[in-house]
Amino acid sequence: QASRPGEKIPALEELFELVKTSTYPAAARVRFNIETKISPGEPELT
């Protein structure tokens, strides 16, 4: 794994924007599999 100093935790909106503006061919068709991290036993966390 490469080091990327200064890399931040992104917002979901930033990921969508990255794909929207990307010039890589995959961006035109890529899908998103996004997980809701939620648990009934920890309602205070979500």
All heavy atoms as atom14 arrays in JSON, in Angstrom:
{
  "sequence": "QASRPGEKIPALEELFELVKTSTYPAAARVRFNIETKISPGEPELT",
  "atom14_mask": [
    [1, 1, 1, 1, 1, 1, 1, 1, 1, 0, 0, 0, 0, 0],
    [1, 1, 1, 1, 1, 0, 0, 0, 0, 0, 0, 0, 0, 0],
    [1, 1, 1, 1, 1, 1, 0, 0, 0, 0, 0, 0, 0, 0],
    [1, 1, 1, 1, 1, 1, 1, 1, 1, 1, 1, 0, 0, 0],
    [1, 1, 1, 1, 1, 1, 1, 0, 0, 0, 0, 0, 0, 0],
    [1, 1, 1, 1, 0, 0, 0, 0, 0, 0, 0, 0, 0, 0],
    [1, 1, 1, 1, 1, 1, 1, 1, 1, 0, 0, 0, 0, 0],
    [1, 1, 1, 1, 1, 1, 1, 1, 1, 0, 0, 0, 0, 0],
    [1, 1, 1, 1, 1, 1, 1, 1, 0, 0, 0, 0, 0, 0],
    [1, 1, 1, 1, 1, 1, 1, 0, 0, 0, 0, 0, 0, 0],
    [1, 1, 1, 1, 1, 0, 0, 0, 0, 0, 0, 0, 0, 0],
    [1, 1, 1, 1, 1, 1, 1, 1, 0, 0, 0, 0, 0, 0],
    [1, 1, 1, 1, 1, 1, 1, 1, 1, 0, 0, 0, 0, 0],
    [1, 1, 1, 1, 1, 1, 1, 1, 1, 0, 0, 0, 0, 0],
    [1, 1, 1, 1, 1, 1, 1, 1, 0, 0, 0, 0, 0, 0],
    [1, 1, 1, 1, 1, 1, 1, 1, 1, 1, 1, 0, 0, 0],
    [1, 1, 1, 1, 1, 1, 1, 1, 1, 0, 0, 0, 0, 0],
    [1, 1, 1, 1, 1, 1, 1, 1, 0, 0, 0, 0, 0, 0],
    [1, 1, 1, 1, 1, 1, 1, 0, 0, 0, 0, 0, 0, 0],
    [1, 1, 1, 1, 1, 1, 1, 1, 1, 0, 0, 0, 0, 0],
    [1, 1, 1, 1, 1, 1, 1, 0, 0, 0, 0, 0, 0, 0],
    [1, 1, 1, 1, 1, 1, 0, 0, 0, 0, 0, 0, 0, 0],
    [1, 1, 1, 1, 1, 1, 1, 0, 0, 0, 0, 0, 0, 0],
    [1, 1, 1, 1, 1, 1, 1, 1, 1, 1, 1, 1, 0, 0],
    [1, 1, 1, 1, 1, 1, 1, 0, 0, 0, 0, 0, 0, 0],
    [1, 1, 1, 1, 1, 0, 0, 0, 0, 0, 0, 0, 0, 0],
    [1, 1, 1, 1, 1, 0, 0, 0, 0, 0, 0, 0, 0, 0],
    [1, 1, 1, 1, 1, 0, 0, 0, 0, 0, 0, 0, 0, 0],
    [1, 1, 1, 1, 1, 1, 1, 1, 1, 1, 1, 0, 0, 0],
    [1, 1, 1, 1, 1, 1, 1, 0, 0, 0, 0, 0, 0, 0],
    [1, 1, 1, 1, 1, 1, 1, 1, 1, 1, 1, 0, 0, 0],
    [1, 1, 1, 1, 1, 1, 1, 1, 1, 1, 1, 0, 0, 0],
    [1, 1, 1, 1, 1, 1, 1, 1, 0, 0, 0, 0, 0, 0],
    [1, 1, 1, 1, 1, 1, 1, 1, 0, 0, 0, 0, 0, 0],
    [1, 1, 1, 1, 1, 1, 1, 1, 1, 0, 0, 0, 0, 0],
    [1, 1, 1, 1, 1, 1, 1, 0, 0, 0, 0, 0, 0, 0],
    [1, 1, 1, 1, 1, 1, 1, 1, 1, 0, 0, 0, 0, 0],
    [1, 1, 1, 1, 1, 1, 1, 1, 0, 0, 0, 0, 0, 0],
    [1, 1, 1, 1, 1, 1, 0, 0, 0, 0, 0, 0, 0, 0],
    [1, 1, 1, 1, 1, 1, 1, 0, 0, 0, 0, 0, 0, 0],
    [1, 1, 1, 1, 0, 0, 0, 0, 0, 0, 0, 0, 0, 0],
    [1, 1, 1, 1, 1, 1, 1, 1, 1, 0, 0, 0, 0, 0],
    [1, 1, 1, 1, 1, 1, 1, 0, 0, 0, 0, 0, 0, 0],
    [1, 1, 1, 1, 1, 1, 1, 1, 1, 0, 0, 0, 0, 0],
    [1, 1, 1, 1, 1, 1, 1, 1, 0, 0, 0, 0, 0, 0],
    [1, 1, 1, 1, 1, 1, 1, 0, 0, 0, 0, 0, 0, 0]
  ],
  "atom14_positions": [
    [[0.83, -1.2, 0.0], [0.0, 0.0, 0.0], [0.87, 1.25, 0.0], [1.78, 1.39, 0.81], [-0.92, 0.0, 1.21], [-1.95, 1.12, 1.22], [-2.8, 1.11, 2.48], [-2.51, 1.83, 3.44], [-3.85, 0.29, 2.49], [0.0, 0.0, 0.0], [0.0, 0.0, 0.0], [0.0, 0.0, 0.0], [0.0, 0.0, 0.0], [0.0, 0.0, 0.0]],
    [[0.6, 2.18, -0.91], [1.35, 3.42, -1.01], [0.95, 4.38, 0.1], [-0.16, 4.33, 0.61], [1.11, 4.07, -2.37], [0.0, 0.0, 0.0], [0.0, 0.0, 0.0], [0.0, 0.0, 0.0], [0.0, 0.0, 0.0], [0.0, 0.0, 0.0], [0.0, 0.0, 0.0], [0.0, 0.0, 0.0], [0.0, 0.0, 0.0], [0.0, 0.0, 0.0]],
    [[1.86, 5.25, 0.46], [1.56, 6.31, 1.42], [1.05, 7.54, 0.67], [1.59, 7.91, -0.36], [2.83, 6.66, 2.2], [2.59, 7.75, 3.08], [0.0, 0.0, 0.0], [0.0, 0.0, 0.0], [0.0, 0.0, 0.0], [0.0, 0.0, 0.0], [0.0, 0.0, 0.0], [0.0, 0.0, 0.0], [0.0, 0.0, 0.0], [0.0, 0.0, 0.0]],
    [[0.0, 8.15, 1.21], [-0.55, 9.36, 0.63], [-0.77, 10.39, 1.75], [-1.9, 10.62, 2.18], [-1.86, 9.06, -0.11], [-1.69, 8.33, -1.43], [-1.01, 9.22, -2.46], [-0.88, 8.58, -3.76], [0.15, 7.83, -4.12], [1.15, 7.6, -3.27], [0.2, 7.3, -5.33], [0.0, 0.0, 0.0], [0.0, 0.0, 0.0], [0.0, 0.0, 0.0]],
    [[0.32, 10.99, 2.25], [0.2, 11.94, 3.36], [-0.8, 13.05, 3.05], [-0.84, 13.58, 1.94], [1.61, 12.5, 3.5], [2.5, 11.41, 2.96], [1.72, 10.82, 1.83], [0.0, 0.0, 0.0], [0.0, 0.0, 0.0], [0.0, 0.0, 0.0], [0.0, 0.0, 0.0], [0.0, 0.0, 0.0], [0.0, 0.0, 0.0], [0.0, 0.0, 0.0]],
    [[-1.61, 13.36, 4.05], [-2.58, 14.42, 3.9], [-3.92, 13.98, 3.32], [-4.85, 14.79, 3.23], [0.0, 0.0, 0.0], [0.0, 0.0, 0.0], [0.0, 0.0, 0.0], [0.0, 0.0, 0.0], [0.0, 0.0, 0.0], [0.0, 0.0, 0.0], [0.0, 0.0, 0.0], [0.0, 0.0, 0.0], [0.0, 0.0, 0.0], [0.0, 0.0, 0.0]],
    [[-4.04, 12.72, 2.96], [-5.31, 12.24, 2.4], [-6.39, 12.28, 3.48], [-6.2, 11.79, 4.59], [-5.14, 10.82, 1.87], [-6.23, 10.38, 0.92], [-6.15, 11.04, -0.45], [-5.05, 11.42, -0.88], [-7.21, 11.16, -1.09], [0.0, 0.0, 0.0], [0.0, 0.0, 0.0], [0.0, 0.0, 0.0], [0.0, 0.0, 0.0], [0.0, 0.0, 0.0]],
    [[-7.53, 12.85, 3.15], [-8.61, 13.05, 4.12], [-9.69, 11.98, 3.99], [-9.76, 11.27, 2.99], [-9.25, 14.44, 3.93], [-8.27, 15.59, 3.96], [-7.52, 15.69, 5.27], [-6.61, 16.91, 5.3], [-5.79, 16.98, 6.54], [0.0, 0.0, 0.0], [0.0, 0.0, 0.0], [0.0, 0.0, 0.0], [0.0, 0.0, 0.0], [0.0, 0.0, 0.0]],
    [[-10.53, 11.91, 5.01], [-11.72, 11.08, 4.93], [-12.72, 11.8, 4.03], [-13.12, 12.93, 4.32], [-12.32, 10.85, 6.33], [-11.35, 10.05, 7.2], [-13.67, 10.14, 6.23], [-11.73, 9.98, 8.66], [0.0, 0.0, 0.0], [0.0, 0.0, 0.0], [0.0, 0.0, 0.0], [0.0, 0.0, 0.0], [0.0, 0.0, 0.0], [0.0, 0.0, 0.0]],
    [[-13.11, 11.19, 2.92], [-13.99, 11.9, 1.99], [-15.46, 11.81, 2.39], [-15.89, 10.88, 3.07], [-13.74, 11.19, 0.66], [-13.36, 9.8, 1.05], [-12.66, 9.9, 2.38], [0.0, 0.0, 0.0], [0.0, 0.0, 0.0], [0.0, 0.0, 0.0], [0.0, 0.0, 0.0], [0.0, 0.0, 0.0], [0.0, 0.0, 0.0], [0.0, 0.0, 0.0]],
    [[-16.22, 12.76, 1.92], [-17.67, 12.68, 2.0], [-18.18, 11.91, 0.78], [-17.52, 11.85, -0.26], [-18.28, 14.09, 2.02], [0.0, 0.0, 0.0], [0.0, 0.0, 0.0], [0.0, 0.0, 0.0], [0.0, 0.0, 0.0], [0.0, 0.0, 0.0], [0.0, 0.0, 0.0], [0.0, 0.0, 0.0], [0.0, 0.0, 0.0], [0.0, 0.0, 0.0]],
    [[-19.36, 11.31, 0.91], [-19.95, 10.59, -0.21], [-20.09, 11.5, -1.42], [-19.86, 11.09, -2.56], [-21.31, 10.02, 0.19], [-22.09, 9.28, -0.9], [-21.3, 8.08, -1.43], [-23.46, 8.85, -0.37], [0.0, 0.0, 0.0], [0.0, 0.0, 0.0], [0.0, 0.0, 0.0], [0.0, 0.0, 0.0], [0.0, 0.0, 0.0], [0.0, 0.0, 0.0]],
    [[-20.44, 12.74, -1.19], [-20.57, 13.7, -2.28], [-19.26, 13.85, -3.05], [-19.27, 13.99, -4.28], [-21.01, 15.05, -1.72], [-21.25, 16.11, -2.78], [-21.78, 17.4, -2.19], [-21.86, 17.5, -0.95], [-22.1, 18.32, -2.97], [0.0, 0.0, 0.0], [0.0, 0.0, 0.0], [0.0, 0.0, 0.0], [0.0, 0.0, 0.0], [0.0, 0.0, 0.0]],
    [[-18.13, 13.79, -2.35], [-16.84, 13.92, -3.02], [-16.57, 12.72, -3.92], [-15.97, 12.86, -4.99], [-15.73, 14.06, -1.99], [-15.74, 15.37, -1.23], [-14.64, 15.42, -0.18], [-14.88, 14.93, 0.95], [-13.55, 15.94, -0.49], [0.0, 0.0, 0.0], [0.0, 0.0, 0.0], [0.0, 0.0, 0.0], [0.0, 0.0, 0.0], [0.0, 0.0, 0.0]],
    [[-16.99, 11.54, -3.49], [-16.82, 10.36, -4.35], [-17.67, 10.5, -5.61], [-17.19, 10.24, -6.73], [-17.23, 9.09, -3.59], [-17.25, 7.8, -4.42], [-15.89, 7.51, -5.05], [-17.73, 6.63, -3.58], [0.0, 0.0, 0.0], [0.0, 0.0, 0.0], [0.0, 0.0, 0.0], [0.0, 0.0, 0.0], [0.0, 0.0, 0.0], [0.0, 0.0, 0.0]],
    [[-18.91, 10.91, -5.45], [-19.76, 11.1, -6.63], [-19.18, 12.16, -7.57], [-19.21, 12.0, -8.79], [-21.17, 11.52, -6.19], [-21.99, 10.42, -5.57], [-23.16, 10.7, -4.89], [-21.61, 9.09, -5.67], [-23.94, 9.71, -4.33], [-22.37, 8.06, -5.11], [-23.55, 8.38, -4.44], [0.0, 0.0, 0.0], [0.0, 0.0, 0.0], [0.0, 0.0, 0.0]],
    [[-18.62, 13.21, -7.0], [-18.03, 14.27, -7.82], [-16.79, 13.77, -8.54], [-16.56, 14.12, -9.71], [-17.7, 15.47, -6.94], [-17.46, 16.76, -7.69], [-18.68, 17.29, -8.41], [-19.81, 17.07, -7.96], [-18.48, 17.94, -9.47], [0.0, 0.0, 0.0], [0.0, 0.0, 0.0], [0.0, 0.0, 0.0], [0.0, 0.0, 0.0], [0.0, 0.0, 0.0]],
    [[-15.99, 12.95, -7.85], [-14.8, 12.37, -8.47], [-15.18, 11.57, -9.71], [-14.56, 11.71, -10.78], [-14.08, 11.46, -7.47], [-12.91, 10.64, -8.02], [-11.72, 11.54, -8.33], [-12.51, 9.54, -7.03], [0.0, 0.0, 0.0], [0.0, 0.0, 0.0], [0.0, 0.0, 0.0], [0.0, 0.0, 0.0], [0.0, 0.0, 0.0], [0.0, 0.0, 0.0]],
    [[-16.19, 10.73, -9.58], [-16.62, 9.91, -10.71], [-17.21, 10.78, -11.82], [-16.94, 10.56, -13.01], [-17.62, 8.84, -10.24], [-18.26, 8.12, -11.42], [-16.93, 7.83, -9.32], [0.0, 0.0, 0.0], [0.0, 0.0, 0.0], [0.0, 0.0, 0.0], [0.0, 0.0, 0.0], [0.0, 0.0, 0.0], [0.0, 0.0, 0.0], [0.0, 0.0, 0.0]],
    [[-18.0, 11.75, -11.43], [-18.64, 12.63, -12.42], [-17.62, 13.35, -13.28], [-17.84, 13.55, -14.49], [-19.53, 13.64, -11.7], [-20.22, 14.64, -12.61], [-21.02, 15.64, -11.79], [-21.62, 16.73, -12.67], [-22.37, 17.73, -11.88], [0.0, 0.0, 0.0], [0.0, 0.0, 0.0], [0.0, 0.0, 0.0], [0.0, 0.0, 0.0], [0.0, 0.0, 0.0]],
    [[-16.49, 13.74, -12.71], [-15.51, 14.55, -13.43], [-14.32, 13.75, -13.95], [-13.46, 14.29, -14.64], [-14.99, 15.68, -12.53], [-14.4, 15.1, -11.35], [-16.12, 16.6, -12.11], [0.0, 0.0, 0.0], [0.0, 0.0, 0.0], [0.0, 0.0, 0.0], [0.0, 0.0, 0.0], [0.0, 0.0, 0.0], [0.0, 0.0, 0.0], [0.0, 0.0, 0.0]],
    [[-14.26, 12.45, -13.63], [-13.12, 11.63, -14.03], [-13.07, 11.42, -15.53], [-14.11, 11.29, -16.2], [-13.19, 10.27, -13.33], [-12.15, 9.41, -13.79], [0.0, 0.0, 0.0], [0.0, 0.0, 0.0], [0.0, 0.0, 0.0], [0.0, 0.0, 0.0], [0.0, 0.0, 0.0], [0.0, 0.0, 0.0], [0.0, 0.0, 0.0], [0.0, 0.0, 0.0]],
    [[-11.87, 11.37, -16.06], [-11.68, 11.07, -17.49], [-11.35, 9.61, -17.74], [-11.17, 9.21, -18.9], [-10.56, 11.95, -18.07], [-9.35, 11.71, -17.35], [-10.94, 13.43, -17.98], [0.0, 0.0, 0.0], [0.0, 0.0, 0.0], [0.0, 0.0, 0.0], [0.0, 0.0, 0.0], [0.0, 0.0, 0.0], [0.0, 0.0, 0.0], [0.0, 0.0, 0.0]],
    [[-11.25, 8.79, -16.69], [-11.0, 7.37, -16.89], [-12.23, 6.71, -17.52], [-13.37, 7.0, -17.11], [-10.65, 6.68, -15.58], [-9.3, 7.05, -15.03], [-9.16, 7.53, -13.72], [-8.15, 6.92, -15.79], [-7.92, 7.87, -13.2], [-6.91, 7.26, -15.29], [-6.8, 7.74, -14.0], [-5.56, 8.08, -13.5], [0.0, 0.0, 0.0], [0.0, 0.0, 0.0]],
    [[-12.06, 5.83, -18.48], [-13.21, 5.21, -19.15], [-14.18, 4.52, -18.19], [-15.4, 4.55, -18.41], [-12.55, 4.19, -20.1], [-11.2, 4.77, -20.38], [-10.77, 5.43, -19.11], [0.0, 0.0, 0.0], [0.0, 0.0, 0.0], [0.0, 0.0, 0.0], [0.0, 0.0, 0.0], [0.0, 0.0, 0.0], [0.0, 0.0, 0.0], [0.0, 0.0, 0.0]],
    [[-13.66, 3.92, -17.12], [-14.52, 3.21, -16.18], [-15.54, 4.12, -15.52], [-16.62, 3.67, -15.1], [-13.68, 2.51, -15.12], [0.0, 0.0, 0.0], [0.0, 0.0, 0.0], [0.0, 0.0, 0.0], [0.0, 0.0, 0.0], [0.0, 0.0, 0.0], [0.0, 0.0, 0.0], [0.0, 0.0, 0.0], [0.0, 0.0, 0.0], [0.0, 0.0, 0.0]],
    [[-15.22, 5.4, -15.4], [-16.09, 6.32, -14.67], [-17.46, 6.47, -15.34], [-18.46, 6.74, -14.66], [-15.42, 7.68, -14.55], [0.0, 0.0, 0.0], [0.0, 0.0, 0.0], [0.0, 0.0, 0.0], [0.0, 0.0, 0.0], [0.0, 0.0, 0.0], [0.0, 0.0, 0.0], [0.0, 0.0, 0.0], [0.0, 0.0, 0.0], [0.0, 0.0, 0.0]],
    [[-17.52, 6.26, -16.64], [-18.79, 6.44, -17.35], [-19.81, 5.35, -17.0], [-21.02, 5.55, -17.18], [-18.54, 6.45, -18.86], [0.0, 0.0, 0.0], [0.0, 0.0, 0.0], [0.0, 0.0, 0.0], [0.0, 0.0, 0.0], [0.0, 0.0, 0.0], [0.0, 0.0, 0.0], [0.0, 0.0, 0.0], [0.0, 0.0, 0.0], [0.0, 0.0, 0.0]],
    [[-19.33, 4.23, -16.5], [-20.24, 3.11, -16.24], [-20.15, 2.55, -14.83], [-20.96, 1.71, -14.43], [-19.93, 1.96, -17.21], [-18.48, 1.52, -17.13], [-18.18, 0.24, -17.89], [-16.75, -0.06, -17.89], [-16.08, -0.52, -16.86], [-16.7, -0.74, -15.71], [-14.78, -0.77, -16.94], [0.0, 0.0, 0.0], [0.0, 0.0, 0.0], [0.0, 0.0, 0.0]],
    [[-19.17, 3.01, -14.04], [-18.94, 2.4, -12.74], [-20.17, 2.55, -11.85], [-20.9, 3.54, -11.92], [-17.69, 3.02, -12.05], [-18.0, 4.41, -11.47], [-17.15, 2.1, -10.97], [0.0, 0.0, 0.0], [0.0, 0.0, 0.0], [0.0, 0.0, 0.0], [0.0, 0.0, 0.0], [0.0, 0.0, 0.0], [0.0, 0.0, 0.0], [0.0, 0.0, 0.0]],
    [[-20.4, 1.54, -11.03], [-21.47, 1.59, -10.05], [-20.88, 1.74, -8.65], [-19.68, 1.62, -8.46], [-22.32, 0.32, -10.16], [-23.28, 0.36, -11.36], [-23.75, -1.01, -11.76], [-22.7, -1.71, -12.52], [-22.41, -3.0, -12.39], [-23.06, -3.75, -11.52], [-21.46, -3.54, -13.13], [0.0, 0.0, 0.0], [0.0, 0.0, 0.0], [0.0, 0.0, 0.0]],
    [[-21.75, 2.0, -7.7], [-21.34, 2.23, -6.32], [-22.04, 1.21, -5.42], [-23.26, 1.08, -5.46], [-21.75, 3.64, -5.88], [-21.29, 4.74, -6.79], [-22.07, 5.13, -7.88], [-20.09, 5.4, -6.57], [-21.67, 6.14, -8.73], [-19.67, 6.42, -7.42], [-20.46, 6.78, -8.5], [0.0, 0.0, 0.0], [0.0, 0.0, 0.0], [0.0, 0.0, 0.0]],
    [[-21.25, 0.51, -4.62], [-21.81, -0.4, -3.62], [-21.49, 0.2, -2.26], [-20.37, 0.1, -1.76], [-21.18, -1.79, -3.76], [-21.85, -2.82, -2.87], [-22.88, -2.56, -2.28], [-21.25, -4.0, -2.79], [0.0, 0.0, 0.0], [0.0, 0.0, 0.0], [0.0, 0.0, 0.0], [0.0, 0.0, 0.0], [0.0, 0.0, 0.0], [0.0, 0.0, 0.0]],
    [[-22.46, 0.88, -1.68], [-22.22, 1.7, -0.49], [-22.94, 1.1, 0.71], [-24.13, 0.81, 0.65], [-22.63, 3.16, -0.74], [-24.07, 3.27, -1.25], [-21.68, 3.8, -1.76], [-24.53, 4.71, -1.48], [0.0, 0.0, 0.0], [0.0, 0.0, 0.0], [0.0, 0.0, 0.0], [0.0, 0.0, 0.0], [0.0, 0.0, 0.0], [0.0, 0.0, 0.0]],
    [[-22.2, 0.93, 1.78], [-22.71, 0.21, 2.95], [-23.11, 1.16, 4.08], [-22.32, 2.0, 4.5], [-21.66, -0.77, 3.47], [-22.14, -1.55, 4.69], [-21.09, -2.49, 5.26], [-20.05, -2.69, 4.58], [-21.28, -3.01, 6.37], [0.0, 0.0, 0.0], [0.0, 0.0, 0.0], [0.0, 0.0, 0.0], [0.0, 0.0, 0.0], [0.0, 0.0, 0.0]],
    [[-24.31, 0.99, 4.58], [-24.71, 1.69, 5.79], [-24.15, 0.93, 6.99], [-24.52, -0.2, 7.26], [-26.25, 1.77, 5.91], [-26.81, 0.46, 5.77], [-26.83, 2.7, 4.86], [0.0, 0.0, 0.0], [0.0, 0.0, 0.0], [0.0, 0.0, 0.0], [0.0, 0.0, 0.0], [0.0, 0.0, 0.0], [0.0, 0.0, 0.0], [0.0, 0.0, 0.0]],
    [[-23.22, 1.57, 7.7], [-22.65, 0.97, 8.91], [-23.55, 1.35, 10.07], [-23.5, 2.45, 10.61], [-21.22, 1.48, 9.14], [-20.27, 1.24, 7.98], [-20.09, -0.22, 7.65], [-19.25, -0.96, 8.66], [-18.9, -2.34, 8.21], [0.0, 0.0, 0.0], [0.0, 0.0, 0.0], [0.0, 0.0, 0.0], [0.0, 0.0, 0.0], [0.0, 0.0, 0.0]],
    [[-24.41, 0.43, 10.44], [-25.44, 0.69, 11.45], [-25.72, -0.6, 12.2], [-25.63, -1.69, 11.63], [-26.72, 1.24, 10.78], [-27.78, 1.61, 11.82], [-27.26, 0.3, 9.73], [-28.98, 2.35, 11.24], [0.0, 0.0, 0.0], [0.0, 0.0, 0.0], [0.0, 0.0, 0.0], [0.0, 0.0, 0.0], [0.0, 0.0, 0.0], [0.0, 0.0, 0.0]],
    [[-26.02, -0.47, 13.47], [-26.29, -1.64, 14.3], [-27.43, -1.32, 15.26], [-27.43, -0.25, 15.89], [-25.04, -2.03, 15.09], [-25.34, -3.02, 16.07], [0.0, 0.0, 0.0], [0.0, 0.0, 0.0], [0.0, 0.0, 0.0], [0.0, 0.0, 0.0], [0.0, 0.0, 0.0], [0.0, 0.0, 0.0], [0.0, 0.0, 0.0], [0.0, 0.0, 0.0]],
    [[-28.39, -2.24, 15.43], [-29.49, -1.99, 16.36], [-29.02, -1.77, 17.8], [-29.68, -1.04, 18.55], [-30.34, -3.27, 16.26], [-29.98, -3.87, 14.96], [-28.54, -3.52, 14.72], [0.0, 0.0, 0.0], [0.0, 0.0, 0.0], [0.0, 0.0, 0.0], [0.0, 0.0, 0.0], [0.0, 0.0, 0.0], [0.0, 0.0, 0.0], [0.0, 0.0, 0.0]],
    [[-27.89, -2.36, 18.15], [-27.4, -2.26, 19.52], [-26.63, -0.99, 19.83], [-26.26, -0.75, 20.98], [0.0, 0.0, 0.0], [0.0, 0.0, 0.0], [0.0, 0.0, 0.0], [0.0, 0.0, 0.0], [0.0, 0.0, 0.0], [0.0, 0.0, 0.0], [0.0, 0.0, 0.0], [0.0, 0.0, 0.0], [0.0, 0.0, 0.0], [0.0, 0.0, 0.0]],
    [[-26.39, -0.15, 18.79], [-25.63, 1.09, 19.0], [-26.34, 2.26, 18.34], [-25.81, 2.92, 17.45], [-24.21, 0.94, 18.43], [-23.39, -0.14, 19.12], [-22.02, -0.34, 18.5], [-21.95, -0.49, 17.26], [-21.02, -0.32, 19.24], [0.0, 0.0, 0.0], [0.0, 0.0, 0.0], [0.0, 0.0, 0.0], [0.0, 0.0, 0.0], [0.0, 0.0, 0.0]],
    [[-27.54, 2.56, 18.77], [-28.32, 3.61, 18.1], [-27.7, 5.0, 18.23], [-28.0, 5.89, 17.42], [-29.68, 3.55, 18.82], [-29.37, 2.94, 20.15], [-28.27, 1.96, 19.89], [0.0, 0.0, 0.0], [0.0, 0.0, 0.0], [0.0, 0.0, 0.0], [0.0, 0.0, 0.0], [0.0, 0.0, 0.0], [0.0, 0.0, 0.0], [0.0, 0.0, 0.0]],
    [[-26.83, 5.19, 19.22], [-26.21, 6.51, 19.41], [-25.17, 6.83, 18.35], [-24.74, 7.99, 18.22], [-25.57, 6.58, 20.81], [-24.29, 5.79, 20.99], [-24.49, 4.28, 21.19], [-25.66, 3.82, 21.17], [-23.49, 3.56, 21.4], [0.0, 0.0, 0.0], [0.0, 0.0, 0.0], [0.0, 0.0, 0.0], [0.0, 0.0, 0.0], [0.0, 0.0, 0.0]],
    [[-24.75, 5.83, 17.58], [-23.68, 6.03, 16.61], [-24.17, 6.41, 15.21], [-23.36, 6.74, 14.34], [-22.82, 4.77, 16.51], [-22.04, 4.39, 17.78], [-21.25, 3.11, 17.54], [-21.12, 5.52, 18.22], [0.0, 0.0, 0.0], [0.0, 0.0, 0.0], [0.0, 0.0, 0.0], [0.0, 0.0, 0.0], [0.0, 0.0, 0.0], [0.0, 0.0, 0.0]],
    [[-25.46, 6.37, 15.0], [-26.01, 6.66, 13.67], [-27.36, 7.33, 13.8], [-28.0, 7.28, 14.86], [-26.22, 5.36, 12.85], [-27.19, 4.55, 13.51], [-24.93, 4.6, 12.67], [0.0, 0.0, 0.0], [0.0, 0.0, 0.0], [0.0, 0.0, 0.0], [0.0, 0.0, 0.0], [0.0, 0.0, 0.0], [0.0, 0.0, 0.0], [0.0, 0.0, 0.0]]
  ]
}
